[in-house]
C-alpha atoms as a PDB file:
ATOM      1  CA  MET A   1      -0.625  16.589 -35.276  1.00  0.00           C
ATOM      2  CA  LYS A   2      -3.429  18.324 -33.376  1.00  0.00           C
ATOM      3  CA  LEU A   3      -4.561  21.866 -34.112  1.00  0.00           C
ATOM      4  CA  THR A   4      -6.138  23.529 -31.086  1.00  0.00           C
ATOM      5  CA  ILE A   5      -7.335  26.963 -30.058  1.00  0.00           C
ATOM      6  CA  ASP A   6      -6.728  28.847 -26.844  1.00  0.00           C
ATOM      7  CA  PRO A   7     -10.224  30.217 -26.071  1.00  0.00           C
ATOM      8  CA  LEU A   8      -8.881  33.131 -24.020  1.00  0.00           C
ATOM      9  CA  PRO A   9     -10.794  35.669 -26.200  1.00  0.00           C
ATOM     10  CA  PHE A  10     -13.999  33.829 -25.220  1.00  0.00           C
ATOM     11  CA  ARG A  11     -13.204  33.551 -21.490  1.00  0.00           C
ATOM     12  CA  HIS A  12     -16.145  35.782 -20.556  1.00  0.00           C
ATOM     13  CA  LEU A  13     -18.667  33.275 -21.948  1.00  0.00           C
ATOM     14  CA  PRO A  14     -20.153  30.610 -19.677  1.00  0.00           C
ATOM     15  CA  ILE A  15     -18.282  27.353 -20.147  1.00  0.00           C
ATOM     16  CA  PRO A  16     -21.003  25.561 -22.188  1.00  0.00           C
ATOM     17  CA  GLU A  17     -21.262  28.560 -24.527  1.00  0.00           C
ATOM     18  CA  MET A  18     -17.495  28.836 -24.827  1.00  0.00           C
ATOM     19  CA  VAL A  19     -17.199  25.172 -25.831  1.00  0.00           C
ATOM     20  CA  ARG A  20     -20.058  25.514 -28.345  1.00  0.00           C
ATOM     21  CA  THR A  21     -18.363  28.575 -29.836  1.00  0.00           C
ATOM     22  CA  VAL A  22     -15.128  26.648 -30.327  1.00  0.00           C
ATOM     23  CA  ALA A  23     -17.052  23.864 -32.079  1.00  0.00           C
ATOM     24  CA  GLU A  24     -18.896  26.354 -34.311  1.00  0.00           C
ATOM     25  CA  LEU A  25     -15.566  27.875 -35.318  1.00  0.00           C
ATOM     26  CA  GLY A  26     -14.472  24.476 -36.622  1.00  0.00           C
ATOM     27  CA  TYR A  27     -12.011  23.413 -33.927  1.00  0.00           C
ATOM     28  CA  GLU A  28     -11.930  19.895 -32.506  1.00  0.00           C
ATOM     29  CA  TYR A  29      -9.493  20.671 -29.693  1.00  0.00           C
ATOM     30  CA  ILE A  30      -9.012  23.289 -26.976  1.00  0.00           C
ATOM     31  CA  GLU A  31      -6.006  24.363 -24.991  1.00  0.00           C
ATOM     32  CA  PHE A  32      -7.856  25.125 -21.748  1.00  0.00           C
ATOM     33  CA  SER A  33      -6.310  28.282 -20.330  1.00  0.00           C
ATOM     34  CA  GLN A  34      -7.086  31.127 -17.931  1.00  0.00           C
ATOM     35  CA  ARG A  35     -10.632  31.908 -16.808  1.00  0.00           C
ATOM     36  CA  ASP A  36     -11.578  33.753 -13.635  1.00  0.00           C
ATOM     37  CA  ASP A  37     -14.077  31.004 -12.733  1.00  0.00           C
ATOM     38  CA  PHE A  38     -11.742  28.067 -13.408  1.00  0.00           C
ATOM     39  CA  PHE A  39      -7.963  28.692 -13.729  1.00  0.00           C
ATOM     40  CA  PRO A  40      -7.330  32.363 -12.850  1.00  0.00           C
ATOM     41  CA  PHE A  41      -3.904  33.836 -13.497  1.00  0.00           C
ATOM     42  CA  TYR A  42      -1.494  33.096 -10.611  1.00  0.00           C
ATOM     43  CA  LEU A  43      -4.221  31.969  -8.196  1.00  0.00           C
ATOM     44  CA  TYR A  44      -5.603  28.725  -6.811  1.00  0.00           C
ATOM     45  CA  PRO A  45      -8.090  27.057  -9.204  1.00  0.00           C
ATOM     46  CA  ARG A  46     -11.690  28.184  -8.640  1.00  0.00           C
ATOM     47  CA  ALA A  47     -13.296  25.146 -10.274  1.00  0.00           C
ATOM     48  CA  ASN A  48     -15.164  22.775  -7.978  1.00  0.00           C
ATOM     49  CA  ASP A  49     -16.349  19.284  -8.919  1.00  0.00           C
ATOM     50  CA  ASP A  50     -19.647  20.626 -10.293  1.00  0.00           C
ATOM     51  CA  LEU A  51     -17.933  23.039 -12.688  1.00  0.00           C
ATOM     52  CA  VAL A  52     -15.510  20.359 -13.847  1.00  0.00           C
ATOM     53  CA  GLN A  53     -18.472  18.113 -14.611  1.00  0.00           C
ATOM     54  CA  THR A  54     -20.173  20.985 -16.473  1.00  0.00           C
ATOM     55  CA  LEU A  55     -17.094  21.269 -18.659  1.00  0.00           C
ATOM     56  CA  LYS A  56     -17.001  17.514 -19.257  1.00  0.00           C
ATOM     57  CA  ARG A  57     -20.683  17.470 -20.272  1.00  0.00           C
ATOM     58  CA  SER A  58     -20.149  20.392 -22.645  1.00  0.00           C
ATOM     59  CA  LEU A  59     -17.250  18.602 -24.274  1.00  0.00           C
ATOM     60  CA  LYS A  60     -19.267  15.414 -24.687  1.00  0.00           C
ATOM     61  CA  GLU A  61     -22.240  17.269 -26.173  1.00  0.00           C
ATOM     62  CA  THR A  62     -20.131  19.076 -28.784  1.00  0.00           C
ATOM     63  CA  GLY A  63     -17.461  16.470 -29.505  1.00  0.00           C
ATOM     64  CA  VAL A  64     -14.730  18.989 -28.665  1.00  0.00           C
ATOM     65  CA  GLN A  65     -11.746  17.627 -26.733  1.00  0.00           C
ATOM     66  CA  ILE A  66      -9.190  19.252 -24.461  1.00  0.00           C
ATOM     67  CA  ALA A  67      -5.714  18.679 -25.865  1.00  0.00           C
ATOM     68  CA  SER A  68      -3.847  20.516 -23.106  1.00  0.00           C
ATOM     69  CA  VAL A  69      -4.333  22.461 -19.894  1.00  0.00           C
ATOM     70  CA  LEU A  70      -2.399  25.697 -19.321  1.00  0.00           C
ATOM     71  CA  PRO A  71      -1.947  26.837 -15.703  1.00  0.00           C
ATOM     72  CA  ILE A  72       0.106  30.005 -15.163  1.00  0.00           C
ATOM     73  CA  LEU A  73       1.416  30.060 -11.588  1.00  0.00           C
ATOM     74  CA  ARG A  74       4.341  31.638  -9.744  1.00  0.00           C
ATOM     75  CA  TRP A  75       6.120  28.364  -9.056  1.00  0.00           C
ATOM     76  CA  SER A  76       9.524  30.034  -9.571  1.00  0.00           C
ATOM     77  CA  SER A  77       8.817  33.121  -7.503  1.00  0.00           C
ATOM     78  CA  PRO A  78      11.745  34.418  -5.417  1.00  0.00           C
ATOM     79  CA  ASP A  79       9.146  34.926  -2.685  1.00  0.00           C
ATOM     80  CA  GLU A  80       8.904  31.593  -0.850  1.00  0.00           C
ATOM     81  CA  ASP A  81       5.297  32.092   0.269  1.00  0.00           C
ATOM     82  CA  GLN A  82       4.256  32.723  -3.339  1.00  0.00           C
ATOM     83  CA  ARG A  83       6.191  29.665  -4.494  1.00  0.00           C
ATOM     84  CA  GLN A  84       4.560  27.381  -1.931  1.00  0.00           C
ATOM     85  CA  ALA A  85       1.116  28.723  -2.826  1.00  0.00           C
ATOM     86  CA  ALA A  86       1.868  28.050  -6.487  1.00  0.00           C
ATOM     87  CA  VAL A  87       2.833  24.437  -5.750  1.00  0.00           C
ATOM     88  CA  ARG A  88      -0.479  23.902  -3.960  1.00  0.00           C
ATOM     89  CA  SER A  89      -2.248  25.409  -6.957  1.00  0.00           C
ATOM     90  CA  TRP A  90      -0.266  23.180  -9.320  1.00  0.00           C
ATOM     91  CA  LEU A  91      -1.274  20.042  -7.446  1.00  0.00           C
ATOM     92  CA  ARG A  92      -4.959  21.025  -7.602  1.00  0.00           C
ATOM     93  CA  SER A  93      -4.552  21.837 -11.311  1.00  0.00           C
ATOM     94  CA  ILE A  94      -3.123  18.367 -11.858  1.00  0.00           C
ATOM     95  CA  ASP A  95      -6.107  16.845 -10.005  1.00  0.00           C
ATOM     96  CA  ILE A  96      -8.464  18.653 -12.374  1.00  0.00           C
ATOM     97  CA  THR A  97      -6.428  17.688 -15.441  1.00  0.00           C
ATOM     98  CA  VAL A  98      -6.605  14.018 -14.425  1.00  0.00           C
ATOM     99  CA  GLU A  99     -10.379  14.274 -13.909  1.00  0.00           C
ATOM    100  CA  LEU A 100     -10.723  15.777 -17.382  1.00  0.00           C
ATOM    101  CA  GLY A 101      -8.823  12.850 -18.859  1.00  0.00           C
ATOM    102  CA  VAL A 102      -6.090  15.091 -20.282  1.00  0.00           C
ATOM    103  CA  ASP A 103      -2.448  14.004 -20.417  1.00  0.00           C
ATOM    104  CA  GLN A 104      -0.818  17.278 -21.495  1.00  0.00           C
ATOM    105  CA  MET A 105      -0.092  20.456 -19.511  1.00  0.00           C
ATOM    106  CA  ASN A 106       1.780  23.590 -20.592  1.00  0.00           C
ATOM    107  CA  SER A 107       3.182  26.497 -18.629  1.00  0.00           C
ATOM    108  CA  GLU A 108       5.792  29.251 -18.319  1.00  0.00           C
ATOM    109  CA  PHE A 109       8.837  29.366 -16.056  1.00  0.00           C
ATOM    110  CA  SER A 110       7.168  32.269 -14.169  1.00  0.00           C
ATOM    111  CA  GLY A 111      10.175  33.666 -12.323  1.00  0.00           C
ATOM    112  CA  ARG A 112      11.877  37.051 -12.321  1.00  0.00           C
ATOM    113  CA  PRO A 113      14.671  38.098 -14.719  1.00  0.00           C
ATOM    114  CA  GLU A 114      16.320  40.384 -12.160  1.00  0.00           C
ATOM    115  CA  GLN A 115      16.618  37.390  -9.809  1.00  0.00           C
ATOM    116  CA  SER A 116      17.346  34.681 -12.350  1.00  0.00           C
ATOM    117  CA  GLU A 117      19.555  32.476 -10.168  1.00  0.00           C
ATOM    118  CA  ARG A 118      17.117  32.625  -7.247  1.00  0.00           C
ATOM    119  CA  SER A 119      14.189  31.932  -9.592  1.00  0.00           C
ATOM    120  CA  GLU A 120      15.940  28.909 -11.090  1.00  0.00           C
ATOM    121  CA  GLY A 121      16.504  27.492  -7.620  1.00  0.00           C
ATOM    122  CA  GLN A 122      12.873  28.085  -6.693  1.00  0.00           C
ATOM    123  CA  PHE A 123      11.717  26.407  -9.905  1.00  0.00           C
ATOM    124  CA  LEU A 124      13.813  23.333  -9.153  1.00  0.00           C
ATOM    125  CA  LYS A 125      12.468  23.208  -5.610  1.00  0.00           C
ATOM    126  CA  SER A 126       8.909  23.269  -6.953  1.00  0.00           C
ATOM    127  CA  MET A 127       9.680  20.562  -9.494  1.00  0.00           C
ATOM    128  CA  GLU A 128      10.820  18.259  -6.688  1.00  0.00           C
ATOM    129  CA  VAL A 129       7.121  18.072  -5.763  1.00  0.00           C
ATOM    130  CA  ILE A 130       5.380  18.606  -9.093  1.00  0.00           C
ATOM    131  CA  LEU A 131       7.429  16.426 -11.455  1.00  0.00           C
ATOM    132  CA  PRO A 132       6.977  13.137  -9.515  1.00  0.00           C
ATOM    133  CA  ARG A 133       3.232  13.758  -9.499  1.00  0.00           C
ATOM    134  CA  LEU A 134       3.188  14.442 -13.251  1.00  0.00           C
ATOM    135  CA  GLU A 135       5.200  11.297 -13.909  1.00  0.00           C
ATOM    136  CA  LYS A 136       2.905   9.243 -11.668  1.00  0.00           C
ATOM    137  CA  GLU A 137      -0.176  10.453 -13.566  1.00  0.00           C
ATOM    138  CA  GLY A 138       1.449  10.051 -16.991  1.00  0.00           C
ATOM    139  CA  ILE A 139       1.082  13.756 -17.765  1.00  0.00           C
ATOM    140  CA  LYS A 140       3.491  15.495 -20.124  1.00  0.00           C
ATOM    141  CA  LEU A 141       4.551  19.082 -19.362  1.00  0.00           C
ATOM    142  CA  ASN A 142       5.809  21.569 -21.941  1.00  0.00           C
ATOM    143  CA  ILE A 143       7.399  24.835 -20.829  1.00  0.00           C
ATOM    144  CA  GLU A 144       7.948  28.065 -22.764  1.00  0.00           C
ATOM    145  CA  PRO A 145      10.394  30.901 -22.184  1.00  0.00           C
ATOM    146  CA  HIS A 146       8.327  34.048 -21.767  1.00  0.00           C
ATOM    147  CA  PRO A 147       9.153  37.752 -22.013  1.00  0.00           C
ATOM    148  CA  ASP A 148       9.992  39.115 -18.549  1.00  0.00           C
ATOM    149  CA  ASP A 149      10.872  35.693 -17.157  1.00  0.00           C
ATOM    150  CA  PHE A 150      14.086  34.324 -15.676  1.00  0.00           C
ATOM    151  CA  ILE A 151      14.683  32.549 -18.971  1.00  0.00           C
ATOM    152  CA  GLU A 152      13.672  34.425 -22.111  1.00  0.00           C
ATOM    153  CA  ASP A 153      16.253  32.945 -24.485  1.00  0.00           C
ATOM    154  CA  GLY A 154      14.976  30.036 -26.585  1.00  0.00           C
ATOM    155  CA  ILE A 155      18.222  28.056 -26.774  1.00  0.00           C
ATOM    156  CA  GLU A 156      18.865  28.442 -23.055  1.00  0.00           C
ATOM    157  CA  ALA A 157      15.307  27.299 -22.292  1.00  0.00           C
ATOM    158  CA  ILE A 158      15.853  24.124 -24.313  1.00  0.00           C
ATOM    159  CA  ARG A 159      19.141  23.443 -22.543  1.00  0.00           C
ATOM    160  CA  PHE A 160      17.528  23.962 -19.151  1.00  0.00           C
ATOM    161  CA  ILE A 161      14.604  21.678 -19.985  1.00  0.00           C
ATOM    162  CA  ARG A 162      16.994  18.983 -21.192  1.00  0.00           C
ATOM    163  CA  GLY A 163      18.910  19.341 -17.940  1.00  0.00           C
ATOM    164  CA  LEU A 164      15.801  18.267 -16.033  1.00  0.00           C
ATOM    165  CA  ASN A 165      16.402  14.859 -17.639  1.00  0.00           C
ATOM    166  CA  SER A 166      12.744  13.835 -17.689  1.00  0.00           C
ATOM    167  CA  LYS A 167      10.934  12.354 -20.674  1.00  0.00           C
ATOM    168  CA  ASN A 168       7.799  14.036 -19.323  1.00  0.00           C
ATOM    169  CA  VAL A 169       9.103  17.576 -19.898  1.00  0.00           C
ATOM    170  CA  GLY A 170       9.381  19.206 -23.316  1.00  0.00           C
ATOM    171  CA  PHE A 171       9.750  22.579 -25.026  1.00  0.00           C
ATOM    172  CA  LEU A 172       6.925  24.868 -26.140  1.00  0.00           C
ATOM    173  CA  TYR A 173       7.749  27.407 -28.855  1.00  0.00           C
ATOM    174  CA  CYS A 174       5.547  30.512 -28.714  1.00  0.00           C
ATOM    175  CA  VAL A 175       5.841  32.216 -32.085  1.00  0.00           C
ATOM    176  CA  PRO A 176       4.746  35.728 -30.983  1.00  0.00           C
ATOM    177  CA  HIS A 177       7.590  35.708 -28.427  1.00  0.00           C
ATOM    178  CA  THR A 178      10.152  35.168 -31.183  1.00  0.00           C
ATOM    179  CA  PHE A 179      11.844  38.545 -30.862  1.00  0.00           C
ATOM    180  CA  TYR A 180      12.612  37.978 -27.174  1.00  0.00           C
ATOM    181  CA  GLN A 181      14.164  34.549 -27.701  1.00  0.00           C
ATOM    182  CA  GLY A 182      17.536  35.781 -28.907  1.00  0.00           C
ATOM    183  CA  HIS A 183      18.064  33.647 -32.003  1.00  0.00           C
ATOM    184  CA  ASP A 184      16.855  33.040 -35.526  1.00  0.00           C
ATOM    185  CA  ILE A 185      13.456  31.357 -35.408  1.00  0.00           C
ATOM    186  CA  ALA A 186      14.529  28.383 -37.552  1.00  0.00           C
ATOM    187  CA  GLU A 187      17.682  27.949 -35.455  1.00  0.00           C
ATOM    188  CA  ILE A 188      15.609  27.491 -32.294  1.00  0.00           C
ATOM    189  CA  VAL A 189      13.254  25.022 -33.964  1.00  0.00           C
ATOM    190  CA  ARG A 190      16.160  22.976 -35.303  1.00  0.00           C
ATOM    191  CA  TYR A 191      17.970  23.066 -31.963  1.00  0.00           C
ATOM    192  CA  ALA A 192      14.861  21.871 -30.142  1.00  0.00           C
ATOM    193  CA  GLY A 193      14.338  19.009 -32.593  1.00  0.00           C
ATOM    194  CA  LYS A 194      12.455  16.141 -31.002  1.00  0.00           C
ATOM    195  CA  ASP A 195      12.110  18.114 -27.747  1.00  0.00           C
ATOM    196  CA  LEU A 196       9.757  20.560 -29.495  1.00  0.00           C
ATOM    197  CA  LYS A 197       6.351  19.271 -28.435  1.00  0.00           C
ATOM    198  CA  HIS A 198       3.949  22.216 -28.634  1.00  0.00           C
ATOM    199  CA  LEU A 199       3.481  25.460 -30.591  1.00  0.00           C
ATOM    200  CA  HIS A 200       1.609  28.676 -29.858  1.00  0.00           C
ATOM    201  CA  LEU A 201       0.685  30.224 -33.195  1.00  0.00           C
ATOM    202  CA  ALA A 202       0.380  33.971 -33.770  1.00  0.00           C
ATOM    203  CA  ASP A 203       2.411  36.850 -35.207  1.00  0.00           C
ATOM    204  CA  SER A 204       4.103  39.848 -33.574  1.00  0.00           C
ATOM    205  CA  PHE A 205       6.023  43.014 -34.352  1.00  0.00           C
ATOM    206  CA  ASP A 206       9.758  43.232 -33.773  1.00  0.00           C
ATOM    207  CA  TYR A 207      10.036  45.554 -30.775  1.00  0.00           C
ATOM    208  CA  ARG A 208      13.730  46.099 -31.603  1.00  0.00           C
ATOM    209  CA  ALA A 209      12.947  48.067 -34.794  1.00  0.00           C
ATOM    210  CA  SER A 210      13.651  51.816 -34.961  1.00  0.00           C
ATOM    211  CA  GLY A 211      16.566  51.449 -32.610  1.00  0.00           C
ATOM    212  CA  GLY A 212      14.344  49.939 -29.950  1.00  0.00           C
ATOM    213  CA  ARG A 213      11.971  52.932 -30.103  1.00  0.00           C
ATOM    214  CA  ARG A 214       9.106  51.336 -31.963  1.00  0.00           C
ATOM    215  CA  TYR A 215       7.100  51.696 -28.745  1.00  0.00           C
ATOM    216  CA  LEU A 216       7.460  54.903 -26.727  1.00  0.00           C
ATOM    217  CA  LEU A 217       7.016  54.210 -23.033  1.00  0.00           C
ATOM    218  CA  ASN A 218       6.809  56.691 -20.211  1.00  0.00           C
ATOM    219  CA  PRO A 219       8.904  56.970 -18.203  1.00  0.00           C
ATOM    220  CA  ALA A 220      11.497  56.064 -20.820  1.00  0.00           C
ATOM    221  CA  GLU A 221      13.312  53.593 -18.575  1.00  0.00           C
ATOM    222  CA  THR A 222      10.166  51.499 -18.021  1.00  0.00           C
ATOM    223  CA  ASN A 223      11.142  47.831 -18.146  1.00  0.00           C
ATOM    224  CA  ALA A 224       8.260  46.514 -20.225  1.00  0.00           C
ATOM    225  CA  THR A 225       8.277  43.492 -22.548  1.00  0.00           C
ATOM    226  CA  VAL A 226       5.818  44.609 -25.214  1.00  0.00           C
ATOM    227  CA  HIS A 227       4.542  42.088 -27.743  1.00  0.00           C
ATOM    228  CA  GLN A 228       1.379  41.100 -29.595  1.00  0.00           C
ATOM    229  CA  HIS A 229      -0.494  37.922 -30.493  1.00  0.00           C
ATOM    230  CA  LEU A 230      -1.649  38.841 -34.012  1.00  0.00           C
ATOM    231  CA  PRO A 231      -2.976  36.811 -36.957  1.00  0.00           C
ATOM    232  CA  TYR A 232      -0.330  35.600 -39.408  1.00  0.00           C
ATOM    233  CA  GLY A 233       1.028  38.300 -41.667  1.00  0.00           C
ATOM    234  CA  GLN A 234       0.068  41.239 -39.470  1.00  0.00           C
ATOM    235  CA  GLY A 235       3.422  41.207 -37.687  1.00  0.00           C
ATOM    236  CA  GLU A 236       7.030  40.623 -38.689  1.00  0.00           C
ATOM    237  CA  VAL A 237       7.847  37.049 -37.690  1.00  0.00           C
ATOM    238  CA  ASP A 238       9.527  35.103 -40.500  1.00  0.00           C
ATOM    239  CA  LEU A 239       6.707  32.590 -40.788  1.00  0.00           C
ATOM    240  CA  ASP A 240       8.050  30.978 -43.970  1.00  0.00           C
ATOM    241  CA  ALA A 241      11.296  30.103 -42.189  1.00  0.00           C
ATOM    242  CA  PHE A 242       9.363  28.879 -39.157  1.00  0.00           C
ATOM    243  CA  PHE A 243       7.085  26.480 -41.014  1.00  0.00           C
ATOM    244  CA  ALA A 244       9.942  25.262 -43.197  1.00  0.00           C
ATOM    245  CA  ALA A 245      11.946  24.425 -40.070  1.00  0.00           C
ATOM    246  CA  LEU A 246       8.966  22.552 -38.603  1.00  0.00           C
ATOM    247  CA  LYS A 247       8.896  20.344 -41.698  1.00  0.00           C
ATOM    248  CA  GLU A 248      12.645  19.841 -41.436  1.00  0.00           C
ATOM    249  CA  VAL A 249      12.412  18.514 -37.868  1.00  0.00           C
ATOM    250  CA  GLU A 250       9.204  16.591 -38.718  1.00  0.00           C
ATOM    251  CA  PHE A 251       7.185  18.284 -35.981  1.00  0.00           C
ATOM    252  CA  ASP A 252       4.174  16.173 -35.025  1.00  0.00           C
ATOM    253  CA  GLY A 253       2.983  17.629 -31.723  1.00  0.00           C
ATOM    254  CA  ILE A 254       0.214  20.026 -30.747  1.00  0.00           C
ATOM    255  CA  ALA A 255      -0.203  23.473 -32.311  1.00  0.00           C
ATOM    256  CA  THR A 256      -2.418  26.055 -30.610  1.00  0.00           C
ATOM    257  CA  VAL A 257      -3.873  29.106 -32.303  1.00  0.00           C
ATOM    258  CA  ALA A 258      -3.150  31.860 -29.766  1.00  0.00           C
ATOM    259  CA  VAL A 259      -4.377  35.154 -31.229  1.00  0.00           C
ATOM    260  CA  PHE A 260      -5.350  37.526 -28.409  1.00  0.00           C
ATOM    261  CA  SER A 261      -4.648  41.048 -29.656  1.00  0.00           C
ATOM    262  CA  GLN A 262      -7.945  41.676 -31.481  1.00  0.00           C
ATOM    263  CA  GLU A 263     -10.809  40.421 -29.348  1.00  0.00           C
ATOM    264  CA  GLU A 264     -13.265  42.476 -31.416  1.00  0.00           C
ATOM    265  CA  LYS A 265     -12.380  40.158 -34.346  1.00  0.00           C
ATOM    266  CA  ALA A 266     -12.020  36.972 -32.312  1.00  0.00           C
ATOM    267  CA  HIS A 267     -14.446  34.862 -34.354  1.00  0.00           C
ATOM    268  CA  GLU A 268     -13.161  36.042 -37.720  1.00  0.00           C
ATOM    269  CA  ASN A 269      -9.531  35.580 -36.719  1.00  0.00           C
ATOM    270  CA  ALA A 270     -10.129  32.115 -35.261  1.00  0.00           C
ATOM    271  CA  VAL A 271     -11.673  30.852 -38.515  1.00  0.00           C
ATOM    272  CA  TRP A 272      -8.958  32.408 -40.686  1.00  0.00           C
ATOM    273  CA  MET A 273      -6.132  31.151 -38.466  1.00  0.00           C
ATOM    274  CA  ARG A 274      -7.573  27.644 -38.527  1.00  0.00           C
ATOM    275  CA  HIS A 275      -7.588  27.534 -42.339  1.00  0.00           C
ATOM    276  CA  GLU A 276      -4.140  29.081 -42.635  1.00  0.00           C
ATOM    277  CA  SER A 277      -2.640  26.811 -39.966  1.00  0.00           C
ATOM    278  CA  ILE A 278      -4.055  23.701 -41.637  1.00  0.00           C
ATOM    279  CA  ARG A 279      -2.517  24.832 -44.913  1.00  0.00           C
ATOM    280  CA  ARG A 280       0.865  25.828 -43.526  1.00  0.00           C
ATOM    281  CA  LEU A 281       1.249  22.797 -41.252  1.00  0.00           C
ATOM    282  CA  GLY A 282       0.077  20.360 -43.901  1.00  0.00           C
ATOM    283  CA  ILE A 283      -2.682  18.937 -41.700  1.00  0.00           C
ATOM    284  CA  ALA A 284      -5.336  16.864 -43.451  1.00  0.00           C
ATOM    285  CA  ALA A 285      -8.540  18.900 -43.185  1.00  0.00           C
END
């Protein structure tokens, strides 16, 4: 099992400093995610060959490795122009991932819940191009259901991923999205079984508490999917049930610390989450 960190809270640091920070915090692995100068949200990658080489040198100097790359692109957009742009961005992201020597990518479905059938069709159209390239390069892809996506339900996401019928595609369980996934946390883990390949580790509050009025939004009918990425114990996820279920299914994939909600405590939280994750996952320190 690999324990990684998503360095999103450190995205404002130059890449060499970001990698050094990760090493100083005690992590051996990174899930390389969104940065405005490299993989911006929803846009074509900004990294040229020189910046990719800068990242590779920084990794070599510190001994840190990239366990996975996380592009977030609108490959399921109901808008066809957006979808085609996302496919082009995906192919460039795969080029960069290959150059980095990484064999794991993660992402979201990135469609629209109010156009779920259209989004599913757009996703499948994109995968007709992207999946053969992933399989050619030997890259595994794990996908998570995300709040405000065309699939939010955890069980349905697993079924859909299985329907793709590719050994290169697996399921990513994001713990802070638990309360949007429609089922008991242990039930989803057990149902995923061997298809559970990656975890995003953090806590969150149950937005459904107080009759769904835990968060007051204006106007009241605002369709917002509010959630947090908190350190363990600061939210309401049943973490004991989650980690017990992981042991039951003998999870042995990649687990990423993904605490984003308290950037002012990013260093402190990263160290604490590393120690707690090692303990709870039973990883040899």
